[in-house]
């Protein structure tokens, strides 16, 4: 799965002013991924099954830091920052999920991996769903964590019931041209903190240092623009998903990971109309940020998913 002869060429960190956290046993890589420099963090077993991890808003690859060591004993683990996220380049391109998926897949290939498992959360799951539609033959399985997928499970209308609206109000806000940038520039910490505290079951899941780290990523070098762009291009993502699904179904194994207090009560049920093989689990005692809140349960679910299929 991993070709040692095709070692990735380090094409340079494009976000040098952003602090770069290290994770023991893992190495930072930057690869040319279809003309965009993407950041990957790689470790584990080079000859083991490869699993690629994608995070969502307002996080970075660091969202998987508690899960990755638990996978490293058996798997080749690669966490990738999406275009515009973390230490990946923030280009002025379309951020529809099919375009982003092409860059992510190119990064995996640049790392010498030909076939892989994919696990993704939030906007990372948006990209992962589209990636599965484009590259099924090279994908061994797909795990999606607590995400409404554009055109699939993401509702067209934002609910107005206060019991639900607080979970999705930002979708409409992010679509407004220019205003979010005007209001959020210089206030990224307050904005990021709200999501990390309001959408976890325990509001102290993230400490101040972690909040600062994610806020700094959003604030750095066009990170806010790129973060908003995924929402602003969601209609295009939905259209491309519909077009792809008119031609095919998802045939790879899919694991839907929901949580007891998350946004999507049953991820597997929400995906099953478009997939041949979709199973699901519900992680207890967790809100939206499941890898941070229950990393052992997520690692165990991913391990079972991969080893059962093998």
Protein backbone atom coordinates (compact mmCIF):
# COMPACT_ATOMS: atom_id res chain seq x y z
CA UNK A 1 0.00 0.00 0.00
CA UNK A 2 2.83 2.34 0.73
CA UNK A 3 5.59 2.41 -1.88
CA UNK A 4 8.91 3.23 -0.17
CA UNK A 5 10.43 4.10 -3.52
CA UNK A 6 8.00 6.97 -3.98
CA UNK A 7 8.86 8.94 -0.86
CA UNK A 8 7.08 12.31 -0.82
CA UNK A 9 8.98 15.43 -1.73
CA UNK A 10 8.67 18.04 1.02
CA UNK A 11 7.48 21.07 -0.91
CA UNK A 12 7.59 23.43 2.07
CA UNK A 13 5.27 24.67 4.79
CA UNK A 14 3.10 27.42 3.26
CA UNK A 15 1.85 28.75 6.63
CA UNK A 16 5.13 29.35 8.43
CA UNK A 17 3.83 31.92 10.91
CA UNK A 18 1.40 29.41 12.45
CA UNK A 19 2.83 27.31 15.32
CA UNK A 20 3.27 23.68 14.29
CA UNK A 21 2.44 21.13 17.00
CA UNK A 22 4.18 17.78 16.97
CA UNK A 23 2.74 14.38 17.84
CA UNK A 24 5.12 11.71 19.14
CA UNK A 25 5.75 8.99 16.57
CA UNK A 26 4.42 11.05 13.64
CA UNK A 27 6.14 13.12 10.97
CA UNK A 28 5.03 16.30 9.19
CA UNK A 29 4.91 16.18 5.39
CA UNK A 30 4.03 18.72 2.73
CA UNK A 31 3.19 17.42 -0.73
CA UNK A 32 2.18 18.91 -4.05
CA UNK A 33 -1.42 17.74 -4.33
CA UNK A 34 -2.60 18.71 -7.78
CA UNK A 35 -1.02 22.16 -7.60
CA UNK A 36 -1.93 22.84 -3.95
CA UNK A 37 0.50 22.20 -1.10
CA UNK A 38 -1.21 20.05 1.50
CA UNK A 39 0.04 19.22 4.98
CA UNK A 40 -0.03 15.62 6.16
CA UNK A 41 0.99 14.02 9.45
CA UNK A 42 2.13 10.44 8.96
CA UNK A 43 3.04 7.57 11.27
CA UNK A 44 2.23 4.05 12.34
CA UNK A 45 3.00 0.93 10.33
CA UNK A 46 4.26 1.68 6.78
CA UNK A 47 3.19 -1.78 5.58
CA UNK A 48 -0.15 -1.81 7.38
CA UNK A 49 -3.55 -0.85 5.96
CA UNK A 50 -3.56 2.89 5.31
CA UNK A 51 -6.18 5.07 6.99
CA UNK A 52 -6.55 8.74 6.08
CA UNK A 53 -8.16 11.14 8.55
CA UNK A 54 -9.86 14.45 7.71
CA UNK A 55 -11.12 17.08 10.18
CA UNK A 56 -13.73 19.81 9.81
CA UNK A 57 -14.51 23.35 10.91
CA UNK A 58 -13.03 24.99 12.94
CA UNK A 59 -10.36 22.35 13.48
CA UNK A 60 -7.23 20.96 11.81
CA UNK A 61 -5.53 17.55 11.68
CA UNK A 62 -4.91 18.06 15.42
CA UNK A 63 -8.53 17.00 16.00
CA UNK A 64 -7.30 13.40 15.55
CA UNK A 65 -4.31 13.67 17.90
CA UNK A 66 -5.91 11.43 20.58
CA UNK A 67 -7.07 8.84 18.04
CA UNK A 68 -3.91 8.52 15.96
CA UNK A 69 -1.66 6.85 18.57
CA UNK A 70 -4.37 4.22 19.17
CA UNK A 71 -4.36 3.34 15.46
CA UNK A 72 -0.60 3.44 14.95
CA UNK A 73 0.10 -0.08 16.28
CA UNK A 74 -1.80 -1.69 13.40
CA UNK A 75 -2.23 0.87 10.63
CA UNK A 76 -0.41 3.35 8.43
CA UNK A 77 -2.00 6.55 9.75
CA UNK A 78 -2.18 9.78 7.73
CA UNK A 79 -4.01 12.90 8.92
CA UNK A 80 -4.35 15.56 6.22
CA UNK A 81 -5.24 19.23 6.52
CA UNK A 82 -7.81 20.11 3.87
CA UNK A 83 -7.05 22.92 1.42
CA UNK A 84 -7.28 26.15 3.41
CA UNK A 85 -7.02 24.35 6.75
CA UNK A 86 -4.19 24.16 9.28
CA UNK A 87 -0.79 24.12 7.61
CA UNK A 88 -2.10 23.44 4.12
CA UNK A 89 -2.05 26.11 1.44
CA UNK A 90 -5.02 28.51 1.31
CA UNK A 91 -5.39 29.01 -2.47
CA UNK A 92 -7.95 31.20 -4.18
CA UNK A 93 -9.80 28.28 -5.80
CA UNK A 94 -13.19 26.63 -5.64
CA UNK A 95 -13.79 24.96 -2.28
CA UNK A 96 -16.55 22.69 -3.51
CA UNK A 97 -16.04 19.25 -2.05
CA UNK A 98 -15.26 17.50 -5.34
CA UNK A 99 -12.41 19.91 -6.04
CA UNK A 100 -11.13 19.55 -2.46
CA UNK A 101 -11.45 15.76 -2.72
CA UNK A 102 -9.27 15.70 -5.83
CA UNK A 103 -6.53 17.54 -3.93
CA UNK A 104 -6.80 15.24 -0.92
CA UNK A 105 -6.61 12.14 -3.12
CA UNK A 106 -3.61 13.60 -4.94
CA UNK A 107 -1.91 14.12 -1.57
CA UNK A 108 -2.47 10.49 -0.61
CA UNK A 109 -1.00 9.35 -3.93
CA UNK A 110 1.96 11.70 -3.45
CA UNK A 111 2.62 9.94 -0.15
CA UNK A 112 2.96 6.64 -2.02
CA UNK A 113 -0.39 5.16 -0.94
CA UNK A 114 -2.49 3.48 -3.63
CA UNK A 115 -5.51 2.19 -1.66
CA UNK A 116 -6.75 3.39 1.71
CA UNK A 117 -9.51 3.67 4.27
CA UNK A 118 -10.93 7.14 4.90
CA UNK A 119 -12.41 8.53 8.13
CA UNK A 120 -13.71 12.07 8.30
CA UNK A 121 -15.63 14.46 10.54
CA UNK A 122 -17.81 17.52 9.84
CA UNK A 123 -16.66 19.34 6.66
CA UNK A 124 -14.00 16.67 6.33
CA UNK A 125 -16.91 14.23 5.89
CA UNK A 126 -18.34 16.47 3.15
CA UNK A 127 -15.07 16.10 1.27
CA UNK A 128 -14.79 12.39 2.07
CA UNK A 129 -18.25 11.62 0.66
CA UNK A 130 -17.38 13.34 -2.62
CA UNK A 131 -13.98 11.64 -2.68
CA UNK A 132 -15.70 8.26 -2.37
CA UNK A 133 -17.87 9.09 -5.38
CA UNK A 134 -14.83 10.05 -7.49
CA UNK A 135 -12.32 7.38 -6.39
CA UNK A 136 -14.28 4.30 -5.27
CA UNK A 137 -11.85 1.90 -6.92
CA UNK A 138 -9.01 3.14 -4.70
CA UNK A 139 -11.00 3.45 -1.50
CA UNK A 140 -11.39 0.42 0.75
CA UNK A 141 -13.97 1.89 3.12
CA UNK A 142 -15.40 5.15 4.42
CA UNK A 143 -16.23 6.24 7.98
CA UNK A 144 -18.29 9.43 8.37
CA UNK A 145 -18.59 11.17 11.72
CA UNK A 146 -21.52 13.47 12.61
CA UNK A 147 -21.96 15.50 9.44
CA UNK A 148 -24.81 16.59 7.20
CA UNK A 149 -23.57 16.09 3.62
CA UNK A 150 -24.41 18.79 1.02
CA UNK A 151 -27.23 17.62 -1.22
CA UNK A 152 -27.54 14.37 0.71
CA UNK A 153 -28.40 14.91 4.36
CA UNK A 154 -27.80 18.63 4.80
CA UNK A 155 -31.24 20.31 4.91
CA UNK A 156 -32.09 22.97 2.34
CA UNK A 157 -33.79 25.10 4.99
CA UNK A 158 -32.24 26.19 8.27
CA UNK A 159 -34.56 25.30 11.19
CA UNK A 160 -36.01 28.16 13.23
CA UNK A 161 -36.92 26.09 16.28
CA UNK A 162 -34.53 27.34 19.01
CA UNK A 163 -33.96 23.75 20.14
CA UNK A 164 -32.41 22.99 16.74
CA UNK A 165 -31.42 26.34 15.22
CA UNK A 166 -28.33 26.80 17.39
CA UNK A 167 -26.74 23.78 15.69
CA UNK A 168 -27.03 25.11 12.13
CA UNK A 169 -27.51 28.91 12.26
CA UNK A 170 -23.96 29.53 11.02
CA UNK A 171 -24.64 27.92 7.62
CA UNK A 172 -26.69 30.92 6.52
CA UNK A 173 -24.34 33.41 8.20
CA UNK A 174 -21.30 32.02 6.39
CA UNK A 175 -23.07 32.42 3.04
CA UNK A 176 -23.47 36.19 3.40
CA UNK A 177 -20.84 37.97 1.26
CA UNK A 178 -18.21 39.98 3.17
CA UNK A 179 -20.17 40.45 6.42
CA UNK A 180 -18.72 37.44 8.28
CA UNK A 181 -15.18 38.59 7.45
CA UNK A 182 -15.99 42.09 8.69
CA UNK A 183 -17.45 40.86 11.95
CA UNK A 184 -15.02 38.02 12.66
CA UNK A 185 -11.62 39.48 11.74
CA UNK A 186 -9.74 39.90 15.00
CA UNK A 187 -12.43 37.94 16.87
CA UNK A 188 -11.58 34.49 15.61
CA UNK A 189 -10.88 33.19 19.11
CA UNK A 190 -14.32 34.12 20.40
CA UNK A 191 -15.98 32.60 17.36
CA UNK A 192 -14.03 29.35 17.40
CA UNK A 193 -14.49 29.04 21.16
CA UNK A 194 -18.27 29.18 20.80
CA UNK A 195 -18.31 26.15 18.49
CA UNK A 196 -15.89 24.12 20.58
CA UNK A 197 -17.78 24.79 23.81
CA UNK A 198 -21.39 24.81 22.60
CA UNK A 199 -21.18 21.64 20.50
CA UNK A 200 -19.43 19.39 23.00
CA UNK A 201 -21.27 17.49 25.69
CA UNK A 202 -18.79 18.82 28.24
CA UNK A 203 -17.89 22.48 27.67
CA UNK A 204 -14.40 21.96 29.10
CA UNK A 205 -13.40 19.36 26.48
CA UNK A 206 -11.05 21.90 24.87
CA UNK A 207 -8.56 23.83 26.97
CA UNK A 208 -7.48 27.39 26.28
CA UNK A 209 -4.36 26.32 24.39
CA UNK A 210 -6.37 24.18 21.98
CA UNK A 211 -8.88 26.95 21.39
CA UNK A 212 -6.04 29.38 20.70
CA UNK A 213 -4.45 26.93 18.29
CA UNK A 214 -7.58 26.43 16.22
CA UNK A 215 -8.38 30.15 16.27
CA UNK A 216 -4.87 30.97 15.07
CA UNK A 217 -5.31 28.59 12.15
CA UNK A 218 -8.57 30.25 11.10
CA UNK A 219 -6.98 33.69 11.42
CA UNK A 220 -3.74 32.93 9.57
CA UNK A 221 -3.07 33.73 5.92
CA UNK A 222 -6.58 33.56 4.49
CA UNK A 223 -7.82 30.80 6.79
CA UNK A 224 -11.09 32.60 7.52
CA UNK A 225 -11.79 33.10 3.83
CA UNK A 226 -11.10 29.44 3.12
CA UNK A 227 -13.23 28.26 6.05
CA UNK A 228 -16.20 30.27 4.81
CA UNK A 229 -15.61 29.13 1.23
CA UNK A 230 -16.61 25.53 2.01
CA UNK A 231 -20.04 26.81 3.06
CA UNK A 232 -20.28 29.29 0.19
CA UNK A 233 -19.52 26.53 -2.31
CA UNK A 234 -21.84 23.98 -0.66
CA UNK A 235 -24.52 24.41 -3.35
CA UNK A 236 -21.96 23.46 -5.99
CA UNK A 237 -20.89 20.51 -3.82
CA UNK A 238 -24.52 19.38 -3.60
CA UNK A 239 -25.03 19.64 -7.35
CA UNK A 240 -21.89 17.62 -8.09
CA UNK A 241 -22.95 14.98 -5.53
CA UNK A 242 -26.34 14.69 -7.25
CA UNK A 243 -24.74 14.38 -10.67
CA UNK A 244 -22.37 11.65 -9.47
CA UNK A 245 -25.13 9.72 -7.71
CA UNK A 246 -27.24 9.78 -10.87
CA UNK A 247 -24.54 7.59 -12.41
CA UNK A 248 -23.62 5.31 -9.51
CA UNK A 249 -24.16 4.25 -5.92
CA UNK A 250 -21.55 4.02 -3.21
CA UNK A 251 -20.40 0.42 -3.16
CA UNK A 252 -17.55 0.69 -0.63
CA UNK A 253 -18.29 -0.27 2.98
CA UNK A 254 -19.48 2.73 4.98
CA UNK A 255 -19.50 3.21 8.73
CA UNK A 256 -21.63 6.00 10.12
CA UNK A 257 -20.44 7.20 13.53
CA UNK A 258 -23.00 9.23 15.44
CA UNK A 259 -22.94 10.36 19.05
CA UNK A 260 -25.42 10.57 21.89
CA UNK A 261 -25.56 14.38 21.75
CA UNK A 262 -24.41 15.16 18.22
CA UNK A 263 -26.04 16.74 15.18
CA UNK A 264 -27.01 13.64 13.15
CA UNK A 265 -28.73 10.97 15.28
CA UNK A 266 -28.10 8.12 12.82
CA UNK A 267 -25.35 8.71 10.26
CA UNK A 268 -25.75 5.27 8.69
CA UNK A 269 -29.49 5.72 8.09
CA UNK A 270 -28.87 9.11 6.50
CA UNK A 271 -26.38 7.61 4.02
CA UNK A 272 -28.04 4.24 3.36
CA UNK A 273 -30.30 5.39 0.46
CA UNK A 274 -27.14 6.02 -1.60
CA UNK A 275 -24.98 3.14 -0.37
CA UNK A 276 -24.96 -0.62 -0.74
CA UNK A 277 -23.28 -1.33 2.59
CA UNK A 278 -23.78 1.11 5.46
CA UNK A 279 -23.61 0.22 9.12
CA UNK A 280 -23.63 2.55 12.10
CA UNK A 281 -22.77 3.02 15.73
CA UNK A 282 -23.65 5.64 18.32
CA UNK A 283 -20.84 6.76 20.62
CA UNK A 284 -22.19 7.52 24.11
CA UNK A 285 -21.30 10.56 26.20
CA UNK A 286 -20.24 12.76 23.29
CA UNK A 287 -21.41 15.81 21.40
CA UNK A 288 -20.39 16.89 17.91
CA UNK A 289 -16.59 16.65 18.35
CA UNK A 290 -16.49 12.89 18.79
CA UNK A 291 -12.74 12.28 18.17
CA UNK A 292 -11.88 14.78 20.92
CA UNK A 293 -14.58 13.69 23.34
CA UNK A 294 -14.34 9.89 23.00
CA UNK A 295 -11.09 9.09 21.16
CA UNK A 296 -10.79 5.53 22.47
CA UNK A 297 -14.28 4.66 21.24
CA UNK A 298 -13.56 6.20 17.82
CA UNK A 299 -10.26 4.33 17.50
CA UNK A 300 -11.93 1.06 18.49
CA UNK A 301 -14.77 1.59 16.00
CA UNK A 302 -12.33 2.34 13.16
CA UNK A 303 -10.16 -0.66 14.07
CA UNK A 304 -13.17 -2.99 14.08
CA UNK A 305 -14.40 -1.51 10.79
CA UNK A 306 -11.11 -2.12 9.02
CA UNK A 307 -10.25 -5.51 10.49
CA UNK A 308 -13.76 -6.95 10.07
CA UNK A 309 -13.74 -6.12 6.37
CA UNK A 310 -10.24 -7.49 5.93
